[in-house]
């Protein structure tokens, strides 16, 4: 039987992304991380990793980060996948839930990648509708993460920061600011990373990702 958890607020401090090789040591040593972030799709079934996360959830606040909702899909969010996410959130009561500004499904096939959008009014309407569906289903705010982009669509009518700011205004979603993704996109698309961050609504940023990359 799964445990019943009460919501536990994430402190304004650094957390860590939980990966499978770390679970045993996390349970044994209980390091002083402020909170944990986990990938939602890794915990949509049952098994040892889910049981371990239940034990860790007794110790640490939790942020659940999704990669499979495909918020940019014009056909809408996969309701079965969304229901699995809802069950993860109901089970673990995370303080934060996030997903990427991307699409990853075409004709029912999952492409195993996070692909960039065209930033225009049509795409904004699609993403806003999908974000509202997710938030209505989960009954909570969702944070949307900026993507690392390797190309840009020539017929975009706005940039990603403007797109995200308008998405926040329309849906009440929050933002997950991935600093590494900003740096990668700025390098690839030749724009100013600081100007991108300055253009985002600061009060909407609920989580920040710090990671690294290699330039080839």
C-alpha atoms as a PDB file:
ATOM      1  CA  UNK A   1       0.000   0.000   0.000  1.00  0.00           C
ATOM      2  CA  UNK A   2       1.354   3.443  -0.923  1.00  0.00           C
ATOM      3  CA  UNK A   3       1.936   6.024   1.771  1.00  0.00           C
ATOM      4  CA  UNK A   4      -0.225   9.119   2.173  1.00  0.00           C
ATOM      5  CA  UNK A   5       1.845  12.306   2.047  1.00  0.00           C
ATOM      6  CA  UNK A   6       1.012  15.877   2.956  1.00  0.00           C
ATOM      7  CA  UNK A   7       2.293  18.663   0.680  1.00  0.00           C
ATOM      8  CA  UNK A   8       5.800  19.725   1.726  1.00  0.00           C
ATOM      9  CA  UNK A   9       7.042  23.133   0.578  1.00  0.00           C
ATOM     10  CA  UNK A  10      10.337  23.349  -1.279  1.00  0.00           C
ATOM     11  CA  UNK A  11      12.715  25.747   0.513  1.00  0.00           C
ATOM     12  CA  UNK A  12      14.536  28.561  -1.271  1.00  0.00           C
ATOM     13  CA  UNK A  13      17.706  26.496  -1.494  1.00  0.00           C
ATOM     14  CA  UNK A  14      19.527  24.153  -3.842  1.00  0.00           C
ATOM     15  CA  UNK A  15      18.108  20.730  -4.602  1.00  0.00           C
ATOM     16  CA  UNK A  16      19.442  17.871  -6.690  1.00  0.00           C
ATOM     17  CA  UNK A  17      18.138  15.778  -9.548  1.00  0.00           C
ATOM     18  CA  UNK A  18      17.625  12.236  -8.287  1.00  0.00           C
ATOM     19  CA  UNK A  19      19.004   9.495 -10.544  1.00  0.00           C
ATOM     20  CA  UNK A  20      18.750   5.744 -10.044  1.00  0.00           C
ATOM     21  CA  UNK A  21      22.452   5.194  -9.162  1.00  0.00           C
ATOM     22  CA  UNK A  22      22.083   7.679  -6.283  1.00  0.00           C
ATOM     23  CA  UNK A  23      19.012   6.217  -4.602  1.00  0.00           C
ATOM     24  CA  UNK A  24      20.725   3.716  -2.312  1.00  0.00           C
ATOM     25  CA  UNK A  25      23.238   6.261  -1.042  1.00  0.00           C
ATOM     26  CA  UNK A  26      20.541   8.886  -0.594  1.00  0.00           C
ATOM     27  CA  UNK A  27      18.577   6.488   1.599  1.00  0.00           C
ATOM     28  CA  UNK A  28      21.649   5.462   3.589  1.00  0.00           C
ATOM     29  CA  UNK A  29      23.411   8.795   4.059  1.00  0.00           C
ATOM     30  CA  UNK A  30      20.514  11.234   3.833  1.00  0.00           C
ATOM     31  CA  UNK A  31      22.616  14.182   2.596  1.00  0.00           C
ATOM     32  CA  UNK A  32      21.476  17.698   3.396  1.00  0.00           C
ATOM     33  CA  UNK A  33      19.955  18.482   0.006  1.00  0.00           C
ATOM     34  CA  UNK A  34      17.134  20.997   0.239  1.00  0.00           C
ATOM     35  CA  UNK A  35      14.843  18.941  -2.024  1.00  0.00           C
ATOM     36  CA  UNK A  36      14.792  16.416  -4.858  1.00  0.00           C
ATOM     37  CA  UNK A  37      13.696  16.624  -8.476  1.00  0.00           C
ATOM     38  CA  UNK A  38      12.608  13.425 -10.244  1.00  0.00           C
ATOM     39  CA  UNK A  39      11.480  12.623 -13.778  1.00  0.00           C
ATOM     40  CA  UNK A  40       7.777  11.857 -13.685  1.00  0.00           C
ATOM     41  CA  UNK A  41       7.955   9.106 -16.297  1.00  0.00           C
ATOM     42  CA  UNK A  42      10.332   7.044 -14.136  1.00  0.00           C
ATOM     43  CA  UNK A  43       7.658   6.658 -11.448  1.00  0.00           C
ATOM     44  CA  UNK A  44       4.478   5.980 -13.406  1.00  0.00           C
ATOM     45  CA  UNK A  45       4.452   2.288 -12.565  1.00  0.00           C
ATOM     46  CA  UNK A  46       5.389   0.237  -9.538  1.00  0.00           C
ATOM     47  CA  UNK A  47       8.581  -1.404  -8.383  1.00  0.00           C
ATOM     48  CA  UNK A  48      11.640  -0.865  -6.240  1.00  0.00           C
ATOM     49  CA  UNK A  49      12.375   2.648  -7.470  1.00  0.00           C
ATOM     50  CA  UNK A  50       8.854   3.806  -6.617  1.00  0.00           C
ATOM     51  CA  UNK A  51       9.084   2.266  -3.159  1.00  0.00           C
ATOM     52  CA  UNK A  52      12.453   3.976  -2.662  1.00  0.00           C
ATOM     53  CA  UNK A  53      11.009   7.324  -3.700  1.00  0.00           C
ATOM     54  CA  UNK A  54       8.239   6.902  -1.149  1.00  0.00           C
ATOM     55  CA  UNK A  55      10.913   6.510   1.529  1.00  0.00           C
ATOM     56  CA  UNK A  56      12.815   9.537   0.258  1.00  0.00           C
ATOM     57  CA  UNK A  57       9.620  11.575   0.085  1.00  0.00           C
ATOM     58  CA  UNK A  58       9.333  11.173   3.858  1.00  0.00           C
ATOM     59  CA  UNK A  59      12.629  13.080   4.146  1.00  0.00           C
ATOM     60  CA  UNK A  60      12.751  15.550   1.249  1.00  0.00           C
ATOM     61  CA  UNK A  61      10.342  17.900  -0.511  1.00  0.00           C
ATOM     62  CA  UNK A  62       9.819  16.888  -4.118  1.00  0.00           C
ATOM     63  CA  UNK A  63       9.691  18.470  -7.569  1.00  0.00           C
ATOM     64  CA  UNK A  64       8.288  16.317 -10.396  1.00  0.00           C
ATOM     65  CA  UNK A  65       9.660  17.074 -13.867  1.00  0.00           C
ATOM     66  CA  UNK A  66       7.941  15.665 -16.954  1.00  0.00           C
ATOM     67  CA  UNK A  67       9.314  15.023 -20.424  1.00  0.00           C
ATOM     68  CA  UNK A  68       6.385  13.351 -22.196  1.00  0.00           C
ATOM     69  CA  UNK A  69       3.366  15.675 -22.344  1.00  0.00           C
ATOM     70  CA  UNK A  70       4.289  17.208 -25.725  1.00  0.00           C
ATOM     71  CA  UNK A  71       2.675  20.553 -24.922  1.00  0.00           C
ATOM     72  CA  UNK A  72       3.234  21.792 -28.459  1.00  0.00           C
ATOM     73  CA  UNK A  73       1.106  19.069 -30.072  1.00  0.00           C
ATOM     74  CA  UNK A  74      -1.851  20.498 -31.995  1.00  0.00           C
ATOM     75  CA  UNK A  75      -3.838  17.301 -31.361  1.00  0.00           C
ATOM     76  CA  UNK A  76      -3.701  17.978 -27.646  1.00  0.00           C
ATOM     77  CA  UNK A  77      -2.204  16.248 -24.655  1.00  0.00           C
ATOM     78  CA  UNK A  78      -2.238  12.447 -24.478  1.00  0.00           C
ATOM     79  CA  UNK A  79      -4.946  11.907 -21.858  1.00  0.00           C
ATOM     80  CA  UNK A  80      -3.599   8.517 -20.795  1.00  0.00           C
ATOM     81  CA  UNK A  81      -0.170   9.994 -20.134  1.00  0.00           C
ATOM     82  CA  UNK A  82      -1.713  12.945 -18.317  1.00  0.00           C
ATOM     83  CA  UNK A  83      -3.682  10.553 -16.111  1.00  0.00           C
ATOM     84  CA  UNK A  84      -0.470   8.728 -15.239  1.00  0.00           C
ATOM     85  CA  UNK A  85       1.096  12.057 -14.300  1.00  0.00           C
ATOM     86  CA  UNK A  86      -1.933  12.917 -12.191  1.00  0.00           C
ATOM     87  CA  UNK A  87      -1.510   9.661 -10.282  1.00  0.00           C
ATOM     88  CA  UNK A  88       2.180  10.376  -9.672  1.00  0.00           C
ATOM     89  CA  UNK A  89       1.276  13.794  -8.276  1.00  0.00           C
ATOM     90  CA  UNK A  90      -1.538  12.368  -6.153  1.00  0.00           C
ATOM     91  CA  UNK A  91       0.778   9.687  -4.809  1.00  0.00           C
ATOM     92  CA  UNK A  92       3.820  11.797  -3.953  1.00  0.00           C
ATOM     93  CA  UNK A  93       2.303  15.272  -3.437  1.00  0.00           C
ATOM     94  CA  UNK A  94       5.182  17.215  -5.012  1.00  0.00           C
ATOM     95  CA  UNK A  95       5.480  20.912  -4.298  1.00  0.00           C
ATOM     96  CA  UNK A  96       6.395  21.668  -7.922  1.00  0.00           C
ATOM     97  CA  UNK A  97       5.442  20.077 -11.256  1.00  0.00           C
ATOM     98  CA  UNK A  98       7.107  21.064 -14.514  1.00  0.00           C
ATOM     99  CA  UNK A  99       7.227  20.221 -18.215  1.00  0.00           C
ATOM    100  CA  UNK A 100       9.083  21.453 -21.314  1.00  0.00           C
ATOM    101  CA  UNK A 101       8.024  23.964 -23.948  1.00  0.00           C
ATOM    102  CA  UNK A 102       8.340  21.421 -26.740  1.00  0.00           C
ATOM    103  CA  UNK A 103       6.596  18.823 -28.850  1.00  0.00           C
ATOM    104  CA  UNK A 104       7.576  15.167 -29.044  1.00  0.00           C
ATOM    105  CA  UNK A 105       4.612  13.280 -30.537  1.00  0.00           C
ATOM    106  CA  UNK A 106       3.637  12.955 -34.216  1.00  0.00           C
ATOM    107  CA  UNK A 107       0.816  10.758 -35.531  1.00  0.00           C
ATOM    108  CA  UNK A 108       0.702   8.945 -32.213  1.00  0.00           C
ATOM    109  CA  UNK A 109       4.420   8.102 -32.255  1.00  0.00           C
ATOM    110  CA  UNK A 110       6.670   9.313 -29.432  1.00  0.00           C
ATOM    111  CA  UNK A 111       9.858  10.747 -30.952  1.00  0.00           C
ATOM    112  CA  UNK A 112      12.071  10.497 -27.841  1.00  0.00           C
ATOM    113  CA  UNK A 113      13.252  14.086 -28.225  1.00  0.00           C
ATOM    114  CA  UNK A 114      12.167  17.562 -27.158  1.00  0.00           C
ATOM    115  CA  UNK A 115      11.643  19.499 -30.375  1.00  0.00           C
ATOM    116  CA  UNK A 116      11.356  23.290 -30.708  1.00  0.00           C
ATOM    117  CA  UNK A 117       8.229  25.169 -31.718  1.00  0.00           C
ATOM    118  CA  UNK A 118       7.494  27.932 -34.158  1.00  0.00           C
ATOM    119  CA  UNK A 119       6.851  30.962 -31.945  1.00  0.00           C
ATOM    120  CA  UNK A 120       3.698  32.574 -33.274  1.00  0.00           C
ATOM    121  CA  UNK A 121       0.078  33.124 -32.269  1.00  0.00           C
ATOM    122  CA  UNK A 122      -1.104  29.786 -33.635  1.00  0.00           C
ATOM    123  CA  UNK A 123       1.461  27.810 -31.635  1.00  0.00           C
ATOM    124  CA  UNK A 124       0.804  29.956 -28.569  1.00  0.00           C
ATOM    125  CA  UNK A 125      -2.895  29.116 -28.705  1.00  0.00           C
ATOM    126  CA  UNK A 126      -2.083  25.397 -28.933  1.00  0.00           C
ATOM    127  CA  UNK A 127       0.363  25.434 -26.021  1.00  0.00           C
ATOM    128  CA  UNK A 128      -1.917  27.596 -23.876  1.00  0.00           C
ATOM    129  CA  UNK A 129      -4.816  25.212 -24.444  1.00  0.00           C
ATOM    130  CA  UNK A 130      -2.653  22.226 -23.531  1.00  0.00           C
ATOM    131  CA  UNK A 131      -1.207  23.909 -20.438  1.00  0.00           C
ATOM    132  CA  UNK A 132      -4.706  24.767 -19.243  1.00  0.00           C
ATOM    133  CA  UNK A 133      -5.753  21.136 -19.763  1.00  0.00           C
ATOM    134  CA  UNK A 134      -2.826  19.944 -17.668  1.00  0.00           C
ATOM    135  CA  UNK A 135      -3.393  22.485 -14.910  1.00  0.00           C
ATOM    136  CA  UNK A 136      -7.117  21.765 -14.777  1.00  0.00           C
ATOM    137  CA  UNK A 137      -6.450  18.023 -14.541  1.00  0.00           C
ATOM    138  CA  UNK A 138      -3.728  18.282 -11.909  1.00  0.00           C
ATOM    139  CA  UNK A 139      -5.523  21.114 -10.096  1.00  0.00           C
ATOM    140  CA  UNK A 140      -2.262  22.974  -9.671  1.00  0.00           C
ATOM    141  CA  UNK A 141       0.066  25.377 -11.418  1.00  0.00           C
ATOM    142  CA  UNK A 142       2.625  23.849 -13.774  1.00  0.00           C
ATOM    143  CA  UNK A 143       6.061  25.315 -14.491  1.00  0.00           C
ATOM    144  CA  UNK A 144       7.131  25.451 -18.147  1.00  0.00           C
ATOM    145  CA  UNK A 145      10.815  25.027 -19.012  1.00  0.00           C
ATOM    146  CA  UNK A 146      12.628  26.844 -21.809  1.00  0.00           C
ATOM    147  CA  UNK A 147      14.172  24.526 -24.379  1.00  0.00           C
ATOM    148  CA  UNK A 148      17.734  24.162 -25.650  1.00  0.00           C
ATOM    149  CA  UNK A 149      17.282  24.963 -29.342  1.00  0.00           C
ATOM    150  CA  UNK A 150      19.471  23.989 -32.278  1.00  0.00           C
ATOM    151  CA  UNK A 151      17.396  25.759 -34.920  1.00  0.00           C
ATOM    152  CA  UNK A 152      14.807  28.513 -35.202  1.00  0.00           C
ATOM    153  CA  UNK A 153      11.839  28.797 -37.543  1.00  0.00           C
ATOM    154  CA  UNK A 154      12.175  31.695 -39.968  1.00  0.00           C
ATOM    155  CA  UNK A 155       8.445  32.476 -39.827  1.00  0.00           C
ATOM    156  CA  UNK A 156       8.265  32.900 -36.035  1.00  0.00           C
ATOM    157  CA  UNK A 157       6.632  36.203 -35.130  1.00  0.00           C
ATOM    158  CA  UNK A 158       8.085  36.416 -31.606  1.00  0.00           C
ATOM    159  CA  UNK A 159      11.048  35.044 -29.699  1.00  0.00           C
ATOM    160  CA  UNK A 160      10.948  32.327 -27.049  1.00  0.00           C
ATOM    161  CA  UNK A 161      11.073  34.740 -24.111  1.00  0.00           C
ATOM    162  CA  UNK A 162       8.127  36.733 -25.484  1.00  0.00           C
ATOM    163  CA  UNK A 163       6.265  33.480 -26.107  1.00  0.00           C
ATOM    164  CA  UNK A 164       6.845  32.306 -22.532  1.00  0.00           C
ATOM    165  CA  UNK A 165       5.841  35.654 -21.039  1.00  0.00           C
ATOM    166  CA  UNK A 166       2.564  35.623 -22.968  1.00  0.00           C
ATOM    167  CA  UNK A 167       1.961  31.988 -22.001  1.00  0.00           C
ATOM    168  CA  UNK A 168       2.278  32.965 -18.329  1.00  0.00           C
ATOM    169  CA  UNK A 169      -0.151  35.853 -18.832  1.00  0.00           C
ATOM    170  CA  UNK A 170      -2.752  33.653 -20.559  1.00  0.00           C
ATOM    171  CA  UNK A 171      -2.634  30.541 -18.400  1.00  0.00           C
ATOM    172  CA  UNK A 172      -1.211  31.514 -15.018  1.00  0.00           C
ATOM    173  CA  UNK A 173       1.506  28.894 -15.422  1.00  0.00           C
ATOM    174  CA  UNK A 174       4.925  29.396 -13.892  1.00  0.00           C
ATOM    175  CA  UNK A 175       8.371  29.048 -15.416  1.00  0.00           C
ATOM    176  CA  UNK A 176      11.271  26.694 -14.888  1.00  0.00           C
ATOM    177  CA  UNK A 177      14.311  28.671 -16.019  1.00  0.00           C
ATOM    178  CA  UNK A 178      17.020  26.365 -17.353  1.00  0.00           C
ATOM    179  CA  UNK A 179      20.150  28.525 -17.413  1.00  0.00           C
ATOM    180  CA  UNK A 180      22.140  25.996 -19.404  1.00  0.00           C
ATOM    181  CA  UNK A 181      19.408  25.832 -22.044  1.00  0.00           C
ATOM    182  CA  UNK A 182      19.499  29.619 -22.341  1.00  0.00           C
ATOM    183  CA  UNK A 183      23.260  29.513 -22.871  1.00  0.00           C
ATOM    184  CA  UNK A 184      23.049  26.726 -25.461  1.00  0.00           C
ATOM    185  CA  UNK A 185      20.241  28.426 -27.386  1.00  0.00           C
ATOM    186  CA  UNK A 186      21.991  31.800 -27.234  1.00  0.00           C
ATOM    187  CA  UNK A 187      25.144  30.228 -28.648  1.00  0.00           C
ATOM    188  CA  UNK A 188      23.330  28.319 -31.395  1.00  0.00           C
ATOM    189  CA  UNK A 189      20.919  31.076 -32.411  1.00  0.00           C
ATOM    190  CA  UNK A 190      23.210  34.033 -31.763  1.00  0.00           C
ATOM    191  CA  UNK A 191      21.223  36.058 -29.251  1.00  0.00           C
ATOM    192  CA  UNK A 192      22.050  37.671 -25.907  1.00  0.00           C
ATOM    193  CA  UNK A 193      21.478  35.270 -22.997  1.00  0.00           C
ATOM    194  CA  UNK A 194      21.118  38.029 -20.401  1.00  0.00           C
ATOM    195  CA  UNK A 195      18.544  39.858 -22.509  1.00  0.00           C
ATOM    196  CA  UNK A 196      16.560  36.617 -22.793  1.00  0.00           C
ATOM    197  CA  UNK A 197      16.463  36.170 -19.019  1.00  0.00           C
ATOM    198  CA  UNK A 198      15.645  39.848 -18.454  1.00  0.00           C
ATOM    199  CA  UNK A 199      12.631  39.498 -20.767  1.00  0.00           C
ATOM    200  CA  UNK A 200      11.033  36.775 -18.629  1.00  0.00           C
ATOM    201  CA  UNK A 201       8.537  37.676 -15.873  1.00  0.00           C
ATOM    202  CA  UNK A 202      10.754  37.160 -12.823  1.00  0.00           C
ATOM    203  CA  UNK A 203       7.874  36.584 -10.434  1.00  0.00           C
ATOM    204  CA  UNK A 204       6.754  33.579 -12.510  1.00  0.00           C
ATOM    205  CA  UNK A 205      10.044  31.687 -12.104  1.00  0.00           C
ATOM    206  CA  UNK A 206       9.455  28.886  -9.615  1.00  0.00           C
ATOM    207  CA  UNK A 207      12.533  26.740 -10.233  1.00  0.00           C
ATOM    208  CA  UNK A 208      15.958  27.097 -11.834  1.00  0.00           C
ATOM    209  CA  UNK A 209      17.975  24.348 -13.503  1.00  0.00           C
ATOM    210  CA  UNK A 210      21.773  24.444 -13.456  1.00  0.00           C
ATOM    211  CA  UNK A 211      23.630  21.926 -15.597  1.00  0.00           C
ATOM    212  CA  UNK A 212      26.421  21.835 -18.143  1.00  0.00           C
ATOM    213  CA  UNK A 213      27.100  21.246 -21.815  1.00  0.00           C
ATOM    214  CA  UNK A 214      29.924  20.609 -24.243  1.00  0.00           C
ATOM    215  CA  UNK A 215      30.639  22.645 -27.368  1.00  0.00           C
ATOM    216  CA  UNK A 216      31.509  20.493 -30.376  1.00  0.00           C
END
